[in-house]
Protein backbone atom coordinates (compact mmCIF):
# COMPACT_ATOMS: atom_id res chain seq x y z
CA MET A 1 -37.06 28.40 -5.82
CA ARG A 2 -34.37 26.64 -3.81
CA ARG A 3 -36.79 23.52 -3.05
CA THR A 4 -37.31 22.97 -6.89
CA SER A 5 -33.67 23.35 -7.37
CA LEU A 6 -33.00 20.56 -5.16
CA GLN A 7 -35.69 18.37 -6.69
CA THR A 8 -34.64 18.52 -9.74
CA ILE A 9 -30.43 18.21 -8.89
CA ARG A 10 -31.52 15.25 -6.96
CA PRO A 11 -31.88 12.93 -9.62
CA VAL A 12 -28.90 13.59 -11.18
CA LEU A 13 -26.57 13.40 -8.03
CA LEU A 14 -28.72 9.61 -7.53
CA ALA A 15 -27.56 8.57 -11.15
CA LEU A 16 -24.02 9.98 -10.76
CA ALA A 17 -23.43 8.46 -7.46
CA ALA A 18 -25.25 5.11 -9.17
CA ALA A 19 -22.49 5.68 -11.85
CA SER A 20 -20.12 6.01 -10.07
CA LEU A 21 -20.40 2.35 -8.36
CA ASN A 22 -21.14 0.69 -11.64
CA ALA A 23 -17.76 2.16 -12.75
CA GLN A 24 -16.19 0.64 -10.30
CA PRO A 25 -13.44 -2.04 -12.01
CA PRO A 26 -14.21 -5.60 -12.37
CA LEU A 27 -11.95 -7.90 -10.19
CA THR A 28 -12.32 -12.04 -10.24
CA LEU A 29 -10.84 -14.22 -7.16
CA LYS A 30 -8.17 -15.46 -9.15
CA ASP A 31 -7.23 -12.16 -10.45
CA ALA A 32 -7.14 -10.34 -7.21
CA ILE A 33 -4.41 -13.63 -6.30
CA GLY A 34 -2.47 -11.95 -9.44
CA MET A 35 -2.49 -8.17 -8.04
CA ALA A 36 -1.41 -9.68 -4.68
CA LEU A 37 1.15 -11.80 -5.66
CA ASP A 38 2.40 -8.55 -8.21
CA LYS A 39 1.85 -5.44 -5.50
CA HIS A 40 1.54 -7.16 -1.83
CA PRO A 41 4.59 -5.54 0.40
CA SER A 42 5.96 -9.35 1.98
CA VAL A 43 5.88 -10.59 -1.28
CA LYS A 44 8.54 -7.91 -2.45
CA ALA A 45 10.30 -8.73 0.79
CA ALA A 46 10.42 -12.86 0.28
CA LYS A 47 11.65 -11.17 -3.17
CA ALA A 48 14.28 -9.65 -1.78
CA GLY A 49 15.52 -12.18 0.50
CA GLU A 50 15.79 -14.93 -2.11
CA GLN A 51 17.80 -12.66 -3.96
CA GLU A 52 20.15 -11.64 -0.61
CA ALA A 53 20.83 -15.70 -0.55
CA GLU A 54 21.78 -15.81 -4.47
CA MET A 55 24.51 -13.35 -3.92
CA ARG A 56 25.84 -15.32 -0.31
CA ILE A 57 26.49 -17.83 -3.15
CA LYS A 58 28.55 -15.68 -5.51
CA GLN A 59 30.23 -14.16 -2.17
CA ALA A 60 30.97 -18.03 -1.34
CA LYS A 61 32.70 -18.55 -4.65
CA GLY A 62 34.55 -15.76 -4.77
CA GLY A 63 36.73 -17.94 -2.84
CA TYR A 64 37.46 -20.09 -6.19
CA TYR A 65 39.27 -16.63 -7.48
CA PRO A 66 42.71 -14.32 -7.17
CA LYS A 67 42.24 -11.55 -5.03
CA LEU A 68 43.97 -8.46 -6.35
CA ASN A 69 45.13 -5.46 -4.37
CA TYR A 70 46.61 -1.81 -4.30
CA GLN A 71 48.06 -0.30 -1.91
CA GLU A 72 49.89 3.05 -1.71
CA SER A 73 51.57 4.39 1.42
CA TYR A 74 54.73 7.18 2.15
CA GLN A 75 57.15 7.00 5.28
CA ARG A 76 59.66 9.81 6.30
CA GLY A 77 62.56 8.97 9.06
CA ASN A 78 65.93 8.98 9.60
CA ASN A 79 65.92 5.07 11.14
CA PRO A 80 69.28 3.50 9.94
CA VAL A 81 67.85 0.27 9.29
CA PHE A 82 64.89 2.22 7.46
CA VAL A 83 67.19 4.56 5.54
CA PHE A 84 69.33 1.36 4.59
CA SER A 85 66.93 -0.78 3.48
CA SER A 86 64.44 2.12 1.26
CA LEU A 87 67.59 3.25 -0.36
CA LEU A 88 68.37 -0.46 -1.99
CA THR A 89 64.19 -0.91 -2.74
CA GLN A 90 64.48 2.01 -4.18
CA ARG A 91 67.86 1.17 -6.45
CA GLN A 92 69.53 4.61 -5.03
CA PHE A 93 72.60 2.93 -3.14
CA THR A 94 76.05 3.99 -4.06
CA ALA A 95 79.37 3.20 -2.72
CA ALA A 96 79.06 6.86 -0.60
CA ASN A 97 76.06 4.63 1.77
CA PHE A 98 78.69 2.99 3.46
CA ASP A 99 80.43 5.59 5.04
CA ILE A 100 80.36 4.25 8.94
CA ALA A 101 79.11 7.82 10.14
CA ARG A 102 76.40 8.08 7.36
CA LEU A 103 75.34 4.33 8.30
CA ASN A 104 74.83 5.13 12.17
CA ASN A 105 73.36 8.63 11.50
CA PRO A 106 71.67 8.90 8.62
CA ASP A 107 69.76 12.04 6.93
CA ALA A 108 66.23 11.50 6.60
CA MET A 109 64.42 9.96 3.81
CA ASN A 110 61.12 9.91 2.26
CA ASN A 111 59.55 6.64 0.69
CA PHE A 112 56.80 6.41 -1.37
CA GLN A 113 55.84 2.94 -1.76
CA SER A 114 53.62 1.45 -4.25
CA GLN A 115 52.48 -2.39 -3.87
CA MET A 116 50.48 -4.28 -6.18
CA ILE A 117 49.53 -7.60 -4.94
CA VAL A 118 48.00 -10.60 -6.31
CA ASP A 119 46.90 -13.66 -3.66
CA GLN A 120 45.39 -16.96 -5.09
CA MET A 121 44.11 -19.43 -2.65
CA LEU A 122 45.55 -23.06 -3.96
CA TYR A 123 44.19 -25.52 -1.65
CA ASP A 124 41.78 -24.94 1.30
CA ALA A 125 40.74 -28.09 2.04
CA GLY A 126 37.11 -27.55 0.48
CA MET A 127 35.73 -24.73 3.23
CA THR A 128 34.96 -23.02 -0.34
CA LYS A 129 33.34 -25.83 -1.91
CA HIS A 130 31.30 -26.22 1.52
CA SER A 131 30.49 -22.59 1.42
CA MET A 132 29.46 -22.25 -1.77
CA ASN A 133 27.00 -25.63 -0.87
CA SER A 134 25.86 -23.83 2.57
CA ALA A 135 25.25 -20.73 0.59
CA GLY A 136 23.11 -22.57 -2.13
CA LEU A 137 21.18 -24.20 0.54
CA MET A 138 20.18 -20.84 2.32
CA GLU A 139 19.24 -19.90 -1.24
CA ARG A 140 17.09 -22.58 -1.53
CA VAL A 141 15.95 -21.98 2.41
CA ALA A 142 14.98 -18.69 0.94
CA GLY A 143 13.00 -20.31 -1.97
CA GLU A 144 10.55 -22.15 0.16
CA GLU A 145 10.52 -18.78 2.47
CA LYS A 146 8.74 -17.08 -0.58
CA ARG A 147 6.79 -19.99 -1.55
CA ARG A 148 5.40 -20.08 1.70
CA ASN A 149 4.71 -16.37 2.09
CA ASP A 150 2.97 -16.86 -1.35
CA MET A 151 0.68 -19.46 -0.06
CA ASP A 152 0.17 -16.95 2.96
CA VAL A 153 -0.71 -14.51 0.46
CA ILE A 154 -2.99 -16.41 -1.85
CA PHE A 155 -4.68 -17.52 1.53
CA ASN A 156 -5.30 -14.02 2.89
CA VAL A 157 -6.64 -13.03 -0.30
CA VAL A 158 -9.30 -15.92 -0.76
CA ARG A 159 -10.03 -15.32 2.94
CA ALA A 160 -10.38 -11.41 2.95
CA TYR A 161 -12.35 -11.82 -0.86
CA SER A 162 -14.81 -14.30 0.34
CA GLY A 163 -15.18 -12.13 3.79
CA THR A 164 -16.25 -9.19 1.80
CA LEU A 165 -18.31 -11.34 -0.47
CA LEU A 166 -19.96 -12.41 2.98
CA ALA A 167 -20.53 -8.90 3.92
CA GLN A 168 -21.91 -8.03 0.77
CA GLU A 169 -24.31 -10.73 0.67
CA SER A 170 -25.01 -10.34 4.63
CA LEU A 171 -26.32 -6.60 3.39
CA ARG A 172 -28.31 -7.95 1.13
CA VAL A 173 -30.07 -10.16 3.08
CA ALA A 174 -30.10 -7.19 5.72
CA GLY A 175 -32.15 -5.12 3.22
CA GLU A 176 -34.42 -8.20 2.22
CA SER A 177 -35.44 -8.35 5.78
CA VAL A 178 -36.07 -4.74 5.97
CA LYS A 179 -38.58 -4.97 2.90
CA SER A 180 -40.07 -7.39 4.38
CA ALA A 181 -40.43 -6.03 7.82
CA GLU A 182 -42.04 -2.84 5.88
CA ALA A 183 -44.41 -4.92 3.98
CA ASP A 184 -45.17 -6.75 7.31
CA LEU A 185 -46.07 -2.99 8.77
CA LYS A 186 -48.12 -2.21 5.69
CA ARG A 187 -49.64 -5.35 6.59
CA ALA A 188 -50.12 -4.98 10.16
CA GLU A 189 -51.61 -1.73 9.69
CA ALA A 190 -53.95 -3.22 7.27
CA VAL A 191 -55.69 -5.61 9.50
CA ARG A 192 -55.61 -3.13 12.36
CA ALA A 193 -58.17 -1.30 9.63
CA ALA A 194 -59.81 -4.04 9.52
CA GLY A 195 -60.22 -4.68 13.54
CA MET A 196 -58.70 -7.75 13.21
CA ALA A 197 -55.38 -6.86 14.95
CA THR A 198 -54.67 -4.22 17.88
CA ASP A 199 -52.29 -1.03 18.17
CA ALA A 200 -49.52 -3.32 20.13
CA ASP A 201 -49.30 -5.03 16.83
CA VAL A 202 -48.23 -2.42 14.58
CA LEU A 203 -45.99 -1.15 17.65
CA SER A 204 -43.96 -5.07 17.71
CA ILE A 205 -43.59 -4.90 14.07
CA ARG A 206 -41.99 -0.93 14.27
CA VAL A 207 -39.61 -2.55 16.81
CA HIS A 208 -38.82 -5.11 14.61
CA LEU A 209 -38.66 -2.85 11.34
CA ALA A 210 -36.05 -0.90 13.69
CA SER A 211 -33.81 -3.74 14.93
CA VAL A 212 -33.78 -4.96 11.38
CA ARG A 213 -32.23 -1.46 10.42
CA GLU A 214 -29.71 -1.98 13.25
CA GLN A 215 -28.74 -5.06 11.14
CA GLN A 216 -28.72 -3.38 8.37
CA ILE A 217 -26.28 -0.28 8.89
CA ARG A 218 -23.76 -3.32 11.17
CA ALA A 219 -23.74 -5.25 7.95
CA ALA A 220 -22.63 -2.12 5.91
CA ASN A 221 -20.33 -1.47 7.92
CA ASP A 222 -19.31 -4.85 7.84
CA LEU A 223 -18.53 -4.59 3.95
CA SER A 224 -16.67 -1.05 4.13
CA ALA A 225 -14.40 -3.12 6.88
CA GLY A 226 -14.07 -6.22 4.74
CA ARG A 227 -13.15 -4.10 1.68
CA ALA A 228 -10.37 -2.47 3.73
CA THR A 229 -9.52 -6.26 4.91
CA LEU A 230 -9.34 -7.53 1.00
CA ASN A 231 -7.48 -4.14 -0.03
CA GLU A 232 -4.72 -5.31 2.81
CA ALA A 233 -4.22 -8.01 1.09
CA LEU A 234 -3.77 -7.10 -2.52
CA GLY A 235 -0.87 -4.67 -1.29
CA LEU A 236 -3.51 -1.53 -2.75
CA PRO A 237 -4.49 1.62 -0.93
CA LEU A 238 -7.45 0.77 1.76
CA ASP A 239 -9.95 2.87 -0.03
CA SER A 240 -9.23 1.07 -3.55
CA GLN A 241 -12.89 -0.09 -5.04
CA PHE A 242 -13.93 -3.11 -6.78
CA ASP A 243 -16.70 -5.28 -8.20
CA LEU A 244 -16.22 -8.23 -6.92
CA THR A 245 -17.21 -10.56 -9.91
CA THR A 246 -16.75 -14.26 -8.53
CA PRO A 247 -20.04 -15.34 -6.76
CA LEU A 248 -19.56 -16.47 -3.30
CA ALA A 249 -20.30 -20.18 -4.22
CA SER A 250 -19.29 -23.51 -2.71
CA SER A 251 -15.95 -24.12 -4.43
CA PRO A 252 -15.31 -27.85 -5.65
CA ALA A 253 -14.10 -30.44 -3.25
CA PRO A 254 -10.70 -31.66 -3.47
CA ALA A 255 -10.16 -35.10 -4.71
CA LEU A 256 -7.67 -36.51 -2.48
CA LYS A 257 -8.21 -38.11 0.38
CA LEU A 258 -6.93 -37.45 4.05
CA SER A 259 -3.69 -39.87 3.84
CA GLU A 260 -2.92 -38.34 0.89
CA PHE A 261 -3.25 -34.73 1.84
CA GLU A 262 -1.16 -35.46 4.87
CA LYS A 263 1.53 -36.92 2.21
CA ARG A 264 1.67 -34.62 0.20
CA GLY A 265 1.87 -31.82 3.23
CA ALA A 266 4.80 -33.65 4.51
CA GLU A 267 6.75 -33.69 1.57
CA GLU A 268 5.62 -30.38 -0.12
CA ARG A 269 4.98 -27.51 3.11
CA PRO A 270 8.28 -25.17 2.70
CA GLU A 271 8.07 -25.53 6.43
CA ALA A 272 9.27 -29.42 5.74
CA ARG A 273 11.50 -28.82 2.99
CA GLN A 274 13.08 -26.20 4.88
CA MET A 275 13.53 -28.71 7.56
CA ALA A 276 15.09 -30.83 4.96
CA LEU A 277 17.10 -28.24 4.35
CA ALA A 278 18.35 -27.27 7.24
CA THR A 279 19.44 -30.86 7.99
CA ASN A 280 21.82 -31.18 5.10
CA LEU A 281 22.49 -27.45 5.88
CA VAL A 282 24.37 -29.11 9.37
CA SER A 283 25.97 -31.27 7.62
CA GLU A 284 27.87 -29.14 5.32
CA GLN A 285 28.81 -26.57 8.41
CA ARG A 286 30.21 -29.61 10.15
CA ALA A 287 32.21 -30.65 7.21
CA LEU A 288 33.78 -26.91 6.91
CA ALA A 289 34.57 -27.05 10.60
CA LYS A 290 36.32 -30.75 10.34
CA ALA A 291 38.25 -28.44 7.25
CA ALA A 292 39.40 -26.28 9.53
CA TYR A 293 42.14 -28.86 10.68
CA LEU A 294 43.62 -29.62 7.08
CA PRO A 295 46.48 -27.76 5.91
CA GLN A 296 45.89 -24.93 3.57
CA VAL A 297 48.25 -23.47 0.31
CA SER A 298 48.22 -20.25 -0.90
CA PHE A 299 50.28 -18.31 -3.53
CA ARG A 300 50.86 -14.27 -3.37
CA ALA A 301 52.76 -12.47 -6.51
CA LEU A 302 53.80 -9.00 -5.81
CA VAL A 303 55.12 -6.18 -7.49
CA GLU A 304 56.94 -2.54 -5.67
CA ALA A 305 57.91 0.13 -6.77
CA ASP A 306 60.01 2.52 -4.03
CA ARG A 307 60.48 6.70 -4.51
CA GLN A 308 62.40 9.11 -2.67
CA GLN A 309 59.90 11.53 -4.73
CA PHE A 310 56.20 10.96 -5.62
CA VAL A 311 57.48 9.98 -9.45
CA THR A 312 61.30 10.31 -9.58
CA LYS A 313 64.33 8.72 -7.91
CA GLY A 314 63.13 5.04 -7.55
CA GLY A 315 63.37 1.67 -8.14
CA ALA A 316 61.06 -1.46 -9.09
CA ASN A 317 60.76 -5.18 -7.67
CA TRP A 318 58.77 -8.02 -7.50
CA PHE A 319 58.58 -11.34 -5.66
CA THR A 320 56.23 -14.54 -5.34
CA GLY A 321 55.91 -17.40 -2.88
CA LEU A 322 54.01 -20.30 -1.75
CA THR A 323 52.61 -20.35 1.85
CA LEU A 324 51.67 -23.43 3.95
CA ARG A 325 49.63 -22.74 6.57
CA TRP A 326 48.64 -25.69 9.26
CA ASN A 327 46.29 -25.09 12.08
CA LEU A 328 47.85 -27.60 14.61
CA PHE A 329 45.67 -25.90 17.93
CA ASN A 330 43.95 -22.62 18.55
CA GLY A 331 42.51 -23.38 21.88
CA MET A 332 39.81 -26.18 21.03
CA THR A 333 37.64 -23.59 18.88
CA ASP A 334 37.46 -25.85 15.84
CA LYS A 335 36.67 -29.05 18.45
CA ALA A 336 33.47 -27.10 19.75
CA ARG A 337 32.48 -25.94 16.63
CA ILE A 338 32.54 -29.50 15.23
CA GLU A 339 30.62 -30.23 18.66
CA GLU A 340 27.80 -27.54 18.22
CA THR A 341 27.49 -28.79 14.53
CA SER A 342 26.64 -32.29 16.13
CA LEU A 343 23.78 -30.77 18.46
CA ALA A 344 22.32 -28.77 15.96
CA ALA A 345 21.68 -32.05 13.93
CA GLU A 346 20.01 -33.40 16.75
CA ARG A 347 18.16 -30.24 17.05
CA ALA A 348 17.25 -30.31 13.14
CA ALA A 349 15.90 -33.64 13.41
CA ALA A 350 14.16 -33.13 16.06
CA GLN A 351 12.72 -29.84 14.68
CA LYS A 352 11.61 -31.89 11.58
CA GLN A 353 9.74 -34.65 13.53
CA ARG A 354 7.82 -31.69 15.31
CA ALA A 355 7.31 -29.89 11.78
CA GLU A 356 6.02 -33.35 10.19
CA ASN A 357 3.84 -34.02 13.22
CA GLY A 358 2.15 -30.12 12.90
CA ILE A 359 1.76 -30.41 9.33
CA ARG A 360 -0.26 -33.55 9.63
CA LEU A 361 -2.53 -31.99 12.44
CA GLN A 362 -2.88 -29.04 10.86
CA VAL A 363 -3.92 -31.35 6.87
CA ARG A 364 -6.13 -33.52 9.76
CA LYS A 365 -8.17 -30.03 11.08
CA ALA A 366 -8.69 -28.36 7.64
CA HIS A 367 -9.43 -31.57 6.38
CA LEU A 368 -12.58 -31.54 9.07
CA ASP A 369 -13.46 -28.22 8.84
CA LEU A 370 -13.90 -28.76 5.23
CA GLY A 371 -16.00 -31.71 5.92
CA SER A 372 -18.17 -29.98 8.39
CA ALA A 373 -18.84 -26.81 6.43
CA GLY A 374 -19.82 -28.96 3.44
CA GLU A 375 -22.53 -30.61 5.82
CA ARG A 376 -23.47 -27.16 7.01
CA ILE A 377 -23.88 -25.82 3.69
CA GLU A 378 -27.12 -28.74 2.89
CA VAL A 379 -28.54 -28.13 6.39
CA ALA A 380 -28.89 -24.18 5.79
CA ARG A 381 -30.08 -24.51 1.91
CA SER A 382 -32.45 -27.13 3.19
CA ALA A 383 -33.41 -24.55 6.69
CA VAL A 384 -33.82 -21.40 3.96
CA THR A 385 -35.98 -23.29 1.79
CA MET A 386 -38.47 -24.57 4.76
CA ALA A 387 -37.94 -21.20 6.48
CA GLU A 388 -39.12 -19.30 3.47
CA GLU A 389 -42.37 -21.19 2.81
CA SER A 390 -42.97 -21.13 6.52
CA HIS A 391 -42.71 -17.46 6.64
CA ARG A 392 -45.06 -17.45 3.49
CA ILE A 393 -47.95 -19.27 5.09
CA ILE A 394 -47.14 -17.67 8.42
CA GLN A 395 -47.89 -14.28 6.29
CA ASN A 396 -51.23 -15.55 4.63
CA ARG A 397 -52.69 -16.72 8.26
CA TYR A 398 -51.84 -13.41 9.93
CA GLU A 399 -53.46 -11.59 6.85
CA ASN A 400 -56.62 -13.34 7.51
CA GLY A 401 -56.54 -13.47 11.27
CA LEU A 402 -55.67 -16.54 12.18
CA THR A 403 -52.48 -16.01 13.66
CA THR A 404 -50.58 -13.75 16.49
CA VAL A 405 -47.84 -10.85 15.27
CA THR A 406 -45.46 -13.07 17.23
CA GLU A 407 -45.26 -15.66 15.09
CA LEU A 408 -44.91 -13.53 12.21
CA LEU A 409 -42.29 -11.74 13.63
CA ARG A 410 -40.55 -15.39 15.18
CA SER A 411 -41.05 -16.46 11.63
CA GLU A 412 -39.34 -13.22 9.90
CA THR A 413 -36.13 -13.43 12.22
CA ALA A 414 -36.01 -17.51 11.31
CA LEU A 415 -36.05 -17.00 7.72
CA ALA A 416 -33.22 -14.07 7.97
CA ALA A 417 -30.96 -16.43 10.63
CA ALA A 418 -31.16 -19.45 8.05
CA ARG A 419 -30.19 -16.78 5.25
CA LEU A 420 -27.28 -15.64 6.98
CA ARG A 421 -26.27 -19.64 7.98
CA HIS A 422 -26.33 -20.75 4.48
CA LEU A 423 -24.42 -17.89 3.09
CA ALA A 424 -21.68 -18.36 6.22
CA ALA A 425 -21.24 -21.87 5.70
CA VAL A 426 -20.49 -20.95 1.98
CA HIS A 427 -18.03 -18.79 3.06
CA ASP A 428 -16.57 -21.50 5.94
CA GLN A 429 -16.47 -23.93 3.28
CA ARG A 430 -14.38 -22.02 0.49
CA VAL A 431 -11.95 -20.38 3.58
CA ALA A 432 -11.22 -24.35 4.57
CA THR A 433 -10.69 -25.52 1.19
CA ALA A 434 -8.01 -23.32 0.68
CA SER A 435 -6.54 -23.60 4.41
CA LEU A 436 -6.17 -27.74 3.32
CA LEU A 437 -4.93 -26.65 0.40
CA GLN A 438 -2.54 -24.74 2.18
CA ALA A 439 -1.66 -27.23 5.19
CA ALA A 440 -0.89 -29.29 2.31
CA GLY A 441 1.58 -27.42 0.52
CA ILE A 442 -0.01 -27.10 -2.94
CA LEU A 443 -2.23 -23.95 -2.55
CA ASN A 444 -0.92 -21.39 -5.27
CA GLN A 445 -2.00 -19.31 -8.28
CA ASP A 446 -3.58 -22.31 -10.43
CA SER A 447 -5.66 -23.70 -7.87
CA GLU A 448 -9.18 -24.76 -8.75
CA LEU A 449 -10.32 -22.83 -5.62
């Protein structure tokens, strides 16, 4: 009874499992890239870094605006000077306070003091301007860092997506190899029954079948790992499931020549732009250091209330003033800062040259990888066609007792290897295309890839 029940339920379970697999949401490569640019933590971090740089501009701009502060303080004592001045500021001074005894030995008193202070920089020798320019350059550096991170995310998605497709196709090839090996086993058993083969032939095919089944298991594990890698590249939980709908096909060959890719890379790579911005930033920092030698003029206005009690027995006063501050000597600190910026300029120039050389090298290597992968695709495609025809001929010959089981197994292995080499070449061509566009600094969500 239980066996009958299981036999009845098993088809239902298989149907439900198939429905679950078919229910996986479709995901194109372009949609995957858009999802990653929206959800990946590194994208969010880069965006936050860009916003941080924007806030630094606002901080620097604050140097143009007045500073308003409120201050409340309390003092108590019988110091003659303190008592005398406090009575004056409280507007509580009388003729009796001129008594010599009271002047020398006054009673202790309170002073509640409230101050509203306004400070305005009138001239700072351009320090605020150079600080704002520096902050603006840092914002652009952060923007290039975000663009670099976006390209990294796109490249990782392309690589992970293509890798998952390769794992899927490898699993399919492994499944075909298993079916072919099973058919070879039936064919060998039939040939043996006809007296044209030995038990050794059948055993050899059984060993081969076990081997391709092991390959199928490994391919299934590679597919699980590939899906997890793709989910990480998308910024999603590792167990997320999708139906990858973009086929594993070769990508269009980029139209630009190698020299044009190198030129674009030197101009548009985020790293190259960051080096150019770093040179400008050093210039602003040098100007900021030189401004420390020039005088500064500031204005201050103060409104003050002094009281013996917190709210009564007091008076108010105000005053304004201009201050000229001129740094005549501060222990050679400013001179050392200027020399530091000069050395930083030399370092930035050297790093810029090194970055340009590195970019050109990366572009050239990616271009060579792309050309190599394209040639491999053509060779592998031809090899697959020949291997399929060769295997068909050898199968027919084996059925008629005209060849050995060794040739049959060798043909089966060669066919599977040719198919996998073709898939690997297509995968490498897609990744190399993305790598070349990234090296040139032109990889984005709208790339033809």
